[in-house]
Protein backbone atom coordinates (compact mmCIF):
# COMPACT_ATOMS: atom_id res chain seq x y z
CA UNK A 1 84.66 4.89 -60.20
CA UNK A 2 84.81 8.68 -59.82
CA UNK A 3 84.55 8.67 -56.03
CA UNK A 4 88.17 8.00 -55.16
CA UNK A 5 87.34 4.42 -54.24
CA UNK A 6 85.45 5.18 -51.03
CA UNK A 7 81.90 5.03 -52.42
CA UNK A 8 80.63 1.66 -53.61
CA UNK A 9 77.47 -0.24 -54.48
CA UNK A 10 76.06 -2.21 -51.56
CA UNK A 11 76.72 -5.54 -53.28
CA UNK A 12 80.37 -4.72 -54.04
CA UNK A 13 82.97 -5.86 -51.57
CA UNK A 14 86.63 -5.43 -52.32
CA UNK A 15 88.81 -6.44 -49.39
CA UNK A 16 91.71 -4.34 -50.74
CA UNK A 17 89.51 -1.23 -50.59
CA UNK A 18 88.26 -2.15 -47.13
CA UNK A 19 91.85 -2.33 -45.92
CA UNK A 20 92.78 1.00 -47.56
CA UNK A 21 89.93 3.04 -46.08
CA UNK A 22 88.54 3.08 -42.54
CA UNK A 23 85.03 2.71 -43.99
CA UNK A 24 83.27 2.72 -47.34
CA UNK A 25 79.93 4.33 -48.09
CA UNK A 26 77.11 2.71 -50.06
CA UNK A 27 76.31 5.06 -52.92
CA UNK A 28 72.58 4.20 -52.66
CA UNK A 29 72.48 5.48 -49.07
CA UNK A 30 74.08 8.86 -49.77
CA UNK A 31 72.41 11.90 -48.25
CA UNK A 32 75.10 14.13 -49.74
CA UNK A 33 76.98 13.76 -53.00
CA UNK A 34 78.90 17.01 -53.41
CA UNK A 35 81.47 17.77 -56.09
CA UNK A 36 82.72 21.25 -56.90
CA UNK A 37 85.72 22.92 -58.47
CA UNK A 38 86.63 26.06 -56.55
CA UNK A 39 88.66 29.14 -57.34
CA UNK A 40 91.79 29.53 -55.21
CA UNK A 41 90.47 32.23 -52.86
CA UNK A 42 89.07 32.47 -49.34
CA UNK A 43 85.53 33.29 -50.52
CA UNK A 44 85.41 29.89 -52.20
CA UNK A 45 86.40 28.23 -48.93
CA UNK A 46 83.53 29.82 -47.01
CA UNK A 47 81.01 29.04 -49.74
CA UNK A 48 82.05 25.37 -50.05
CA UNK A 49 81.99 24.76 -46.29
CA UNK A 50 78.54 26.35 -46.01
CA UNK A 51 77.18 24.39 -48.96
CA UNK A 52 78.45 21.04 -47.67
CA UNK A 53 77.12 21.63 -44.15
CA UNK A 54 73.74 22.81 -45.49
CA UNK A 55 73.45 19.86 -47.86
CA UNK A 56 73.99 17.46 -44.94
CA UNK A 57 71.19 18.99 -42.86
CA UNK A 58 69.10 16.27 -41.26
CA UNK A 59 71.99 13.82 -41.03
CA UNK A 60 74.12 12.88 -38.04
CA UNK A 61 76.72 15.36 -39.37
CA UNK A 62 75.08 18.03 -37.21
CA UNK A 63 76.36 16.24 -34.06
CA UNK A 64 79.90 16.56 -35.42
CA UNK A 65 79.46 19.84 -37.26
CA UNK A 66 82.17 21.83 -35.47
CA UNK A 67 84.87 19.17 -35.97
CA UNK A 68 83.98 18.61 -39.61
CA UNK A 69 83.72 22.32 -40.39
CA UNK A 70 87.11 23.13 -38.82
CA UNK A 71 88.87 20.21 -40.51
CA UNK A 72 87.30 21.05 -43.87
CA UNK A 73 88.27 24.74 -43.57
CA UNK A 74 91.85 23.73 -42.78
CA UNK A 75 92.00 21.32 -45.74
CA UNK A 76 90.60 23.94 -48.12
CA UNK A 77 92.84 26.71 -46.75
CA UNK A 78 95.90 24.49 -47.17
CA UNK A 79 94.88 23.70 -50.76
CA UNK A 80 94.28 27.36 -51.66
CA UNK A 81 97.14 29.00 -49.75
CA UNK A 82 99.90 26.38 -49.70
CA UNK A 83 99.07 24.07 -52.59
CA UNK A 84 97.90 26.60 -55.16
CA UNK A 85 99.70 29.61 -53.63
CA UNK A 86 96.43 31.59 -54.08
CA UNK A 87 97.03 31.43 -57.85
CA UNK A 88 93.72 32.45 -59.47
CA UNK A 89 94.52 30.25 -62.49
CA UNK A 90 94.59 27.12 -60.30
CA UNK A 91 91.54 25.32 -58.94
CA UNK A 92 90.68 23.20 -55.92
CA UNK A 93 88.47 20.13 -56.28
CA UNK A 94 86.34 19.24 -53.26
CA UNK A 95 84.17 16.14 -53.02
CA UNK A 96 81.99 15.08 -50.10
CA UNK A 97 79.98 11.89 -49.66
CA UNK A 98 77.79 11.48 -46.62
CA UNK A 99 75.82 8.48 -45.45
CA UNK A 100 73.19 9.89 -43.06
CA UNK A 101 73.98 7.29 -40.40
CA UNK A 102 77.49 6.01 -41.08
CA UNK A 103 79.70 9.02 -41.75
CA UNK A 104 81.18 11.51 -44.16
CA UNK A 105 84.17 11.34 -46.46
CA UNK A 106 85.62 14.58 -47.84
CA UNK A 107 88.42 14.82 -50.40
CA UNK A 108 90.21 18.10 -51.22
CA UNK A 109 92.69 18.25 -54.09
CA UNK A 110 94.82 21.17 -55.28
CA UNK A 111 96.98 21.76 -58.36
CA UNK A 112 100.17 22.49 -56.43
CA UNK A 113 103.44 20.56 -56.42
CA UNK A 114 102.46 18.44 -53.42
CA UNK A 115 104.38 17.87 -50.18
CA UNK A 116 105.38 15.18 -47.71
CA UNK A 117 103.07 15.43 -44.67
CA UNK A 118 105.61 13.50 -42.58
CA UNK A 119 107.98 16.47 -42.93
CA UNK A 120 105.50 18.99 -41.51
CA UNK A 121 106.69 19.93 -38.01
CA UNK A 122 104.51 19.22 -34.99
CA UNK A 123 102.94 22.54 -33.89
CA UNK A 124 103.32 21.43 -30.26
CA UNK A 125 107.11 21.61 -30.51
CA UNK A 126 108.63 24.28 -28.26
CA UNK A 127 109.92 26.37 -31.18
CA UNK A 128 106.49 26.41 -32.90
CA UNK A 129 104.16 27.28 -30.03
CA UNK A 130 104.18 31.03 -30.67
CA UNK A 131 103.60 30.77 -34.43
CA UNK A 132 100.25 31.89 -35.81
CA UNK A 133 100.23 29.19 -38.50
CA UNK A 134 101.14 25.54 -39.03
CA UNK A 135 98.33 23.80 -37.17
CA UNK A 136 96.09 22.72 -40.07
CA UNK A 137 97.24 19.13 -40.52
CA UNK A 138 97.42 18.64 -36.75
CA UNK A 139 93.83 19.90 -36.36
CA UNK A 140 92.55 17.69 -39.18
CA UNK A 141 94.16 14.64 -37.55
CA UNK A 142 92.78 15.50 -34.12
CA UNK A 143 89.23 16.28 -35.27
CA UNK A 144 88.63 13.55 -37.83
CA UNK A 145 88.69 9.78 -37.37
CA UNK A 146 91.17 9.26 -40.19
CA UNK A 147 93.16 11.57 -42.49
CA UNK A 148 94.92 10.30 -45.57
CA UNK A 149 97.23 12.22 -47.92
CA UNK A 150 97.28 11.03 -51.52
CA UNK A 151 98.59 12.06 -54.92
CA UNK A 152 101.96 13.14 -53.57
CA UNK A 153 100.38 15.44 -50.99
CA UNK A 154 98.08 17.21 -53.45
CA UNK A 155 94.96 15.54 -52.00
CA UNK A 156 93.76 15.04 -48.45
CA UNK A 157 90.90 12.69 -47.60
CA UNK A 158 89.04 13.24 -44.33
CA UNK A 159 86.94 10.48 -42.74
CA UNK A 160 84.46 11.04 -39.89
CA UNK A 161 82.24 8.29 -38.47
CA UNK A 162 78.89 9.28 -37.05
CA UNK A 163 78.51 6.36 -34.63
């Protein structure tokens, strides 16, 4: 399918997919269909975020821009810094699909070894409050409607409804 299973034709209905994802997007209604392979550096993060937000201009994304932008930056930063260890030889794949009325789905995948998100400590724990890092997954979960880790922790999928 090429879209990670969350973009479908309007006439398709797979109950297994509907149960796996909080919502599916009709590929014929897409206002944004973004796919890019990025270098593992911070300049790539800024460029990708800007390009996705610009490409969704005129959609309901603008009402949720701050939440989406922060969550996307965190996902990309985690992929570059933690997943790929800023290794210039490794890439980050980012895909975004936006229905102008329904919502946006963003997938970020790195080439790192993966991780278990359940083992990431809660940044609200007493011993973590003073740290200047470790809030990315927490922020993604708070700002998006649904966050799913796949491929052994090498991919994060962010879902945001517009209604």
